């Protein structure tokens, strides 16, 4: 028994030392991103084109996650310094005291879609009443978009069977009629189309034009102790985003490598995504108000929360905007 206790103590000490070293200024910057999510393309471009190295950074991909809430749990555990993640799950994690991160830059706007079976009879959102509809997770951007679409079409969410499925599982579930629809980030909607399984009932652009989606976040302790490296990460992100927008065909090849999907699917998916690093305070405020109404979070002063959560200082210094 004593041996087991000593082993647990030893591993705990090693973990705490590793976390302390990372925040204190030693070791590579530990980053995470979402699996096969082309919203995160700027991260992949920076890795492939050596943009982090150009900034004098040593970067280690410490986690690849299937959904935003999983990634925020990694931040809570002290396993990540920075990451590319959905704005809604990051908001929920911070508001609920699960993680301490701040948003340093936007990653993209739009880029998701509500998909139904190719030969299904669903012609509009109202037709989904009684159907099984999959989301990547509760309090995700896609969950928000689905609920917003339902409100726009005067449909009560309780009239649908909303379930959580990870995006890699959604296309198969749609093809076998286990679900009637799913909402996910690209390239999964595009992949459902190119496989001949699904069609888009509503893009996220249709639901909420120019909505903020993924963001680049930093753990507050890392930001405090290693601000120069955090700023260099943002600078690499700006360069990577500019690369995507000026050289989309080259960027698409990088997306093919990281997703394992074909070029036609990737190019179709990229047409549904806008890559940007400029933050949207108005968009974040809408997330906060929605998540509060849904009782995912409890924020007494949304304006104050948004002002502390969004930190656009580095972007302003780098871009002059």
Foldseek 3Di string as FASTA:
>chain_A
DVVVVVVVVVVVVVLVVVLCQLLQPDDAAEEEEEALFCLCLLVLLCVVVVLLVVLVGDYDDQYYHLAQLVVLLCQLSSRHFKYKHWLQSVLLCVQVVSAAKAFAWFFWFFFKFKKFWPPDPDQALVVQQAWEEEEQDPRAPQNVLNVLRCVVVVHDPVRHNYYHDRLVCVLVCRQVRVTGIYMDGPLSQLVSVVVNTIDTNGGSCRRPNRAGTITMMGGPSSCVNPVSSVLSVVLSSQVSLVCCVVPVVVSLVSSCVRNVDDSVSSVVSVVRMGTTTHDDLVNSLVSVVSCVVVVSGPDPDSVVSSVVRYDHPSVCVNVVD
